[in-house]
Amino acid sequence: MKKLAKEFLFISVFALLQFVLFLSQFNPLLLLLFVPLYTLFSKENFIPRIIISYIIASIGLMLMSKVPIAFVYLLIIYIVPVTVYIVLKYVKSYILDILTLAVGFLIHLVFTIKAIKSLYRIDVINEMILFLKKILEGYFKALNEDVLLDKFAEFLKLMVPSFVIVVAITLGFIAYYILKWTAKRLKIERDFLSFENLFMPKEVTIGVIIFYILSFFLTQVSLLYIVVSNMIIILLWLLFIQSLSLIYAIITEKISSPFFRGWMMIVIIIFSFQILPIMFLIGFLDLVFDFKKRGPKKVKL
């Protein structure tokens, strides 16, 4: 009886935190903080726990007299917990782990954009474009190119799919290493890939070359132009992650303290945004030459 009461309390706390996530407009950063909880939740009895949790959270919606569609949107906050469970229980390769988490976050983000627009009458994409326009407005006015600013805003709208995917990939990578850290402490028997051993599939290199060459032949905005431009952004971001992995591999060889390694990487990441083209080049060259010899042989596909 005591064990049952403890289990119900645990599920209730989980439901409450999920409800907080729902009320915070599906905040993705808060979602990342909950990954350790999702890992613990996935350890046993996941399916009955998730069902009871949803029922408890739904009762909260009833008490707040939310519109019926809110009960459907409430399901969005359970996408990532389910994704974490799938990764822990069913996915058995490093690349698929990260890919599964990235897809989970992508689905979460896409439905979140729709839910926020429906529930709160806020167009997230439009608000982001307006925010960027305000930031760049002074720069374009100094050049007397107000019309160019509007064209740039229109271009950003076309690139929204790649931006959303880049965010999902980034959240997926971060969640993977939070999951790794949590699983180790919960003594969950499972292999995880260290960041210094991360090596993108060779297809990334081929994709970068193909889409970069294609971009030279596309001078007018068309469906193919939009697809190629979006793919280039996604592939360049993968090269950026690859370059960070190489840098971390070098730091790991030189510095034994995890604390100092962590702080050094934070500084490098912040600084790296100032030299993005160089980071892309480093990632590309590493994929081609595999400087630290940590290629596909260490990454199960």
Protein backbone atom coordinates (compact mmCIF):
# COMPACT_ATOMS: atom_id res chain seq x y z
CA MET A 1 0.00 0.00 0.00
CA LYS A 2 2.85 2.35 0.91
CA LYS A 3 4.59 1.60 -2.39
CA LEU A 4 1.34 2.29 -4.30
CA ALA A 5 0.89 5.63 -2.51
CA LYS A 6 4.49 6.58 -3.26
CA GLU A 7 4.00 5.69 -6.93
CA PHE A 8 0.80 7.77 -7.15
CA LEU A 9 2.58 10.73 -5.54
CA PHE A 10 5.41 10.43 -8.06
CA ILE A 11 2.96 10.34 -10.99
CA SER A 12 1.05 13.31 -9.55
CA VAL A 13 4.22 15.40 -9.25
CA PHE A 14 5.13 14.44 -12.82
CA ALA A 15 1.65 15.44 -14.03
CA LEU A 16 1.93 18.75 -12.17
CA LEU A 17 5.28 19.56 -13.77
CA GLN A 18 3.93 18.63 -17.19
CA PHE A 19 0.97 20.90 -16.52
CA VAL A 20 3.39 23.72 -15.64
CA LEU A 21 5.13 23.08 -18.96
CA PHE A 22 1.77 23.36 -20.75
CA LEU A 23 0.98 26.67 -18.99
CA SER A 24 4.45 28.02 -19.84
CA GLN A 25 3.53 27.75 -23.54
CA PHE A 26 5.55 24.53 -24.07
CA ASN A 27 8.87 26.22 -23.22
CA PRO A 28 11.61 24.08 -24.90
CA LEU A 29 14.28 25.09 -22.36
CA LEU A 30 12.04 23.94 -19.51
CA LEU A 31 11.49 20.77 -21.51
CA LEU A 32 15.26 20.13 -21.50
CA LEU A 33 15.37 20.54 -17.71
CA PHE A 34 12.73 17.82 -17.43
CA VAL A 35 14.77 15.23 -19.39
CA PRO A 36 16.26 13.71 -16.18
CA LEU A 37 12.71 13.33 -14.84
CA TYR A 38 11.62 11.72 -18.12
CA THR A 39 14.53 9.28 -17.82
CA LEU A 40 13.50 8.31 -14.30
CA PHE A 41 9.87 8.07 -15.41
CA SER A 42 10.85 5.72 -18.26
CA LYS A 43 12.72 3.30 -16.02
CA GLU A 44 9.64 1.19 -15.23
CA ASN A 45 5.83 1.13 -15.65
CA PHE A 46 6.07 3.90 -18.24
CA ILE A 47 2.81 3.33 -20.15
CA PRO A 48 0.46 3.21 -17.11
CA ARG A 49 2.36 6.14 -15.57
CA ILE A 50 1.96 8.27 -18.69
CA ILE A 51 -1.77 7.50 -18.98
CA ILE A 52 -2.49 8.33 -15.32
CA SER A 53 -0.35 11.46 -15.59
CA TYR A 54 -2.36 12.68 -18.59
CA ILE A 55 -5.63 12.05 -16.73
CA ILE A 56 -4.42 14.07 -13.73
CA ALA A 57 -3.21 16.93 -15.96
CA SER A 58 -6.55 16.85 -17.80
CA ILE A 59 -8.38 17.29 -14.51
CA GLY A 60 -6.31 20.46 -14.05
CA LEU A 61 -7.56 21.71 -17.42
CA MET A 62 -11.16 20.96 -16.40
CA LEU A 63 -10.76 22.97 -13.20
CA MET A 64 -9.45 25.88 -15.27
CA SER A 65 -12.38 25.53 -17.71
CA LYS A 66 -10.11 25.35 -20.72
CA VAL A 67 -11.54 24.96 -24.23
CA PRO A 68 -11.87 21.36 -25.51
CA ILE A 69 -9.02 21.75 -28.01
CA ALA A 70 -6.66 22.33 -25.05
CA PHE A 71 -7.05 18.67 -24.08
CA VAL A 72 -5.67 17.68 -27.48
CA TYR A 73 -2.79 20.17 -27.25
CA LEU A 74 -2.00 18.82 -23.78
CA LEU A 75 -0.77 15.68 -25.56
CA ILE A 76 2.08 17.73 -27.07
CA ILE A 77 3.92 17.86 -23.74
CA TYR A 78 4.07 14.05 -23.70
CA ILE A 79 5.87 13.77 -27.07
CA VAL A 80 9.37 14.15 -25.62
CA PRO A 81 8.81 11.80 -22.62
CA VAL A 82 7.61 9.14 -25.08
CA THR A 83 10.65 9.83 -27.27
CA VAL A 84 13.00 9.38 -24.29
CA TYR A 85 11.26 6.09 -23.45
CA ILE A 86 11.63 4.86 -27.05
CA VAL A 87 15.34 5.75 -27.07
CA LEU A 88 15.98 3.96 -23.77
CA LYS A 89 13.96 0.84 -24.53
CA TYR A 90 14.03 0.26 -28.26
CA VAL A 91 16.70 2.26 -30.13
CA LYS A 92 20.10 0.56 -30.05
CA SER A 93 22.44 2.72 -32.15
CA TYR A 94 24.10 6.03 -31.42
CA ILE A 95 23.09 7.87 -34.57
CA LEU A 96 19.48 6.67 -34.30
CA ASP A 97 19.39 7.74 -30.64
CA ILE A 98 20.17 11.34 -31.52
CA LEU A 99 18.01 11.22 -34.65
CA THR A 100 15.03 9.91 -32.66
CA LEU A 101 15.40 12.65 -30.05
CA ALA A 102 15.76 15.31 -32.78
CA VAL A 103 12.60 14.04 -34.50
CA GLY A 104 10.76 14.03 -31.16
CA PHE A 105 11.73 17.65 -30.51
CA LEU A 106 10.86 18.57 -34.11
CA ILE A 107 7.34 17.15 -33.76
CA HIS A 108 7.04 18.93 -30.40
CA LEU A 109 8.12 22.28 -31.93
CA VAL A 110 5.85 22.01 -34.97
CA PHE A 111 2.77 21.22 -32.89
CA THR A 112 3.78 23.84 -30.31
CA ILE A 113 3.80 26.58 -32.96
CA LYS A 114 0.28 25.53 -33.97
CA ALA A 115 -0.92 25.23 -30.35
CA ILE A 116 0.38 28.66 -29.27
CA LYS A 117 -1.31 30.25 -32.28
CA SER A 118 -4.59 28.49 -31.48
CA LEU A 119 -4.60 28.90 -27.69
CA TYR A 120 -2.88 32.27 -27.23
CA ARG A 121 -3.36 33.92 -30.65
CA ILE A 122 0.41 34.36 -30.98
CA ASP A 123 2.12 33.67 -34.30
CA VAL A 124 5.55 32.51 -33.10
CA ILE A 125 7.15 32.63 -36.55
CA ASN A 126 5.86 36.10 -37.33
CA GLU A 127 6.96 37.39 -33.91
CA MET A 128 10.47 36.04 -34.48
CA ILE A 129 10.69 37.66 -37.92
CA LEU A 130 9.53 41.00 -36.49
CA PHE A 131 12.08 40.67 -33.68
CA LEU A 132 14.91 40.09 -36.16
CA LYS A 133 13.69 43.00 -38.32
CA LYS A 134 13.86 45.34 -35.33
CA ILE A 135 17.39 44.20 -34.53
CA LEU A 136 18.58 44.74 -38.12
CA GLU A 137 16.48 47.82 -38.84
CA GLY A 138 19.20 50.28 -37.80
CA TYR A 139 21.81 48.52 -39.94
CA PHE A 140 19.67 48.58 -43.10
CA LYS A 141 18.58 52.20 -42.51
CA ALA A 142 22.23 53.23 -42.28
CA LEU A 143 22.67 51.70 -45.75
CA ASN A 144 19.44 53.35 -46.99
CA GLU A 145 18.14 49.90 -47.89
CA ASP A 146 14.71 49.74 -46.23
CA VAL A 147 13.32 47.74 -49.15
CA LEU A 148 16.15 45.23 -48.75
CA LEU A 149 15.13 44.74 -45.12
CA ASP A 150 11.64 43.65 -46.21
CA LYS A 151 13.13 41.29 -48.78
CA PHE A 152 15.42 39.86 -46.12
CA ALA A 153 12.40 39.27 -43.86
CA GLU A 154 10.63 37.45 -46.70
CA PHE A 155 13.74 35.31 -47.22
CA LEU A 156 13.79 34.41 -43.51
CA LYS A 157 10.19 33.22 -43.76
CA LEU A 158 11.23 30.82 -46.53
CA MET A 159 14.04 29.51 -44.31
CA VAL A 160 11.78 28.82 -41.31
CA PRO A 161 11.71 25.01 -41.90
CA SER A 162 15.49 24.78 -41.66
CA PHE A 163 15.61 27.04 -38.58
CA VAL A 164 13.04 24.86 -36.81
CA ILE A 165 14.96 21.69 -37.77
CA VAL A 166 18.25 23.23 -36.56
CA VAL A 167 16.65 24.02 -33.20
CA ALA A 168 15.26 20.46 -33.01
CA ILE A 169 18.68 18.96 -33.83
CA THR A 170 20.34 21.14 -31.19
CA LEU A 171 17.77 20.22 -28.54
CA GLY A 172 18.12 16.56 -29.55
CA PHE A 173 21.90 16.62 -29.05
CA ILE A 174 21.64 18.40 -25.68
CA ALA A 175 18.89 16.02 -24.54
CA TYR A 176 21.02 13.02 -25.56
CA TYR A 177 23.88 14.03 -23.28
CA ILE A 178 21.53 14.96 -20.45
CA LEU A 179 19.98 11.51 -20.92
CA LYS A 180 23.43 9.95 -20.85
CA TRP A 181 24.32 11.76 -17.61
CA THR A 182 21.02 10.81 -15.95
CA ALA A 183 21.04 7.17 -17.10
CA LYS A 184 24.51 6.69 -15.64
CA ARG A 185 23.36 7.94 -12.24
CA LEU A 186 20.19 5.85 -12.35
CA LYS A 187 22.35 2.82 -13.25
CA ILE A 188 20.48 2.17 -16.47
CA GLU A 189 22.53 -0.35 -18.45
CA ARG A 190 23.00 1.24 -21.84
CA ASP A 191 25.79 2.39 -24.14
CA PHE A 192 26.07 6.08 -24.98
CA LEU A 193 28.41 7.89 -27.36
CA SER A 194 30.86 10.39 -25.85
CA PHE A 195 30.77 13.80 -27.52
CA GLU A 196 34.48 13.63 -28.39
CA ASN A 197 33.77 10.45 -30.40
CA LEU A 198 30.86 11.95 -32.29
CA PHE A 199 31.32 11.59 -36.04
CA MET A 200 28.66 12.53 -38.55
CA PRO A 201 27.77 10.10 -41.35
CA LYS A 202 29.80 10.63 -44.53
CA GLU A 203 26.53 11.51 -46.30
CA VAL A 204 26.73 14.93 -44.63
CA THR A 205 29.92 15.69 -46.60
CA ILE A 206 28.36 14.52 -49.86
CA GLY A 207 25.19 16.51 -49.14
CA VAL A 208 27.15 19.72 -48.47
CA ILE A 209 29.02 19.38 -51.78
CA ILE A 210 25.91 18.57 -53.84
CA PHE A 211 23.66 21.30 -52.42
CA TYR A 212 26.45 23.90 -52.48
CA ILE A 213 27.06 23.21 -56.19
CA LEU A 214 23.32 23.33 -56.89
CA SER A 215 23.07 26.74 -55.23
CA PHE A 216 25.29 28.27 -57.96
CA PHE A 217 22.74 27.34 -60.64
CA LEU A 218 19.71 28.74 -58.80
CA THR A 219 19.35 32.48 -59.37
CA GLN A 220 15.59 32.82 -58.95
CA VAL A 221 13.34 31.96 -56.04
CA SER A 222 11.61 28.65 -56.75
CA LEU A 223 10.62 25.50 -54.88
CA LEU A 224 14.02 23.95 -55.65
CA TYR A 225 15.78 27.12 -54.49
CA ILE A 226 13.89 27.01 -51.16
CA VAL A 227 14.67 23.28 -50.67
CA VAL A 228 18.37 23.72 -51.48
CA SER A 229 18.72 26.79 -49.25
CA ASN A 230 17.04 25.03 -46.32
CA MET A 231 19.18 21.92 -46.78
CA ILE A 232 22.38 23.99 -46.86
CA ILE A 233 21.49 25.61 -43.53
CA ILE A 234 20.79 22.21 -41.92
CA LEU A 235 23.98 20.61 -43.28
CA LEU A 236 26.11 23.59 -42.25
CA TRP A 237 24.76 23.26 -38.71
CA LEU A 238 25.77 19.58 -38.68
CA LEU A 239 29.27 20.65 -39.77
CA PHE A 240 29.30 23.14 -36.88
CA ILE A 241 28.48 20.35 -34.41
CA GLN A 242 31.17 18.19 -36.03
CA SER A 243 33.75 20.94 -35.53
CA LEU A 244 32.77 21.27 -31.85
CA SER A 245 33.21 17.50 -31.46
CA LEU A 246 36.71 17.69 -32.93
CA ILE A 247 37.65 20.60 -30.65
CA TYR A 248 36.30 18.73 -27.63
CA ALA A 249 38.32 15.63 -28.62
CA ILE A 250 41.48 17.77 -28.65
CA ILE A 251 40.59 19.37 -25.29
CA THR A 252 39.92 15.93 -23.78
CA GLU A 253 43.44 14.84 -24.71
CA LYS A 254 45.01 17.92 -23.12
CA ILE A 255 42.83 18.50 -20.03
CA SER A 256 41.86 15.75 -17.60
CA SER A 257 39.46 17.77 -15.41
CA PRO A 258 35.82 17.50 -16.64
CA PHE A 259 35.06 20.81 -14.89
CA PHE A 260 37.70 22.79 -16.81
CA ARG A 261 36.85 20.96 -20.04
CA GLY A 262 33.21 21.98 -19.63
CA TRP A 263 33.98 25.65 -18.99
CA MET A 264 36.46 25.79 -21.85
CA MET A 265 33.87 24.35 -24.23
CA ILE A 266 31.27 26.93 -23.11
CA VAL A 267 33.74 29.72 -23.89
CA ILE A 268 34.62 28.15 -27.25
CA ILE A 269 30.95 27.73 -28.21
CA ILE A 270 30.22 31.38 -27.39
CA PHE A 271 33.28 32.53 -29.36
CA SER A 272 32.63 30.14 -32.27
CA PHE A 273 29.49 32.03 -33.33
CA GLN A 274 31.80 34.91 -34.28
CA ILE A 275 33.70 32.68 -36.73
CA LEU A 276 30.96 30.43 -38.09
CA PRO A 277 32.45 30.08 -41.61
CA ILE A 278 35.73 28.83 -40.11
CA MET A 279 33.82 26.37 -37.88
CA PHE A 280 31.93 25.05 -40.93
CA LEU A 281 35.25 24.55 -42.73
CA ILE A 282 36.78 22.74 -39.74
CA GLY A 283 33.77 20.40 -39.56
CA PHE A 284 33.92 19.71 -43.30
CA LEU A 285 37.66 18.97 -43.26
CA ASP A 286 37.26 16.71 -40.24
CA LEU A 287 34.58 14.69 -42.03
CA VAL A 288 36.88 14.32 -45.03
CA PHE A 289 40.19 13.57 -43.24
CA ASP A 290 39.00 12.30 -39.81
CA PHE A 291 41.81 14.06 -37.91
CA LYS A 292 41.33 12.12 -34.67
CA LYS A 293 40.55 8.76 -36.31
CA ARG A 294 37.19 8.43 -34.60
CA GLY A 295 35.12 7.86 -37.74
CA PRO A 296 32.28 5.45 -38.56
CA LYS A 297 34.04 2.48 -36.96
CA LYS A 298 33.18 4.00 -33.57
CA VAL A 299 29.65 4.97 -34.48
CA LYS A 300 27.17 2.14 -34.80
CA LEU A 301 24.63 2.72 -37.54
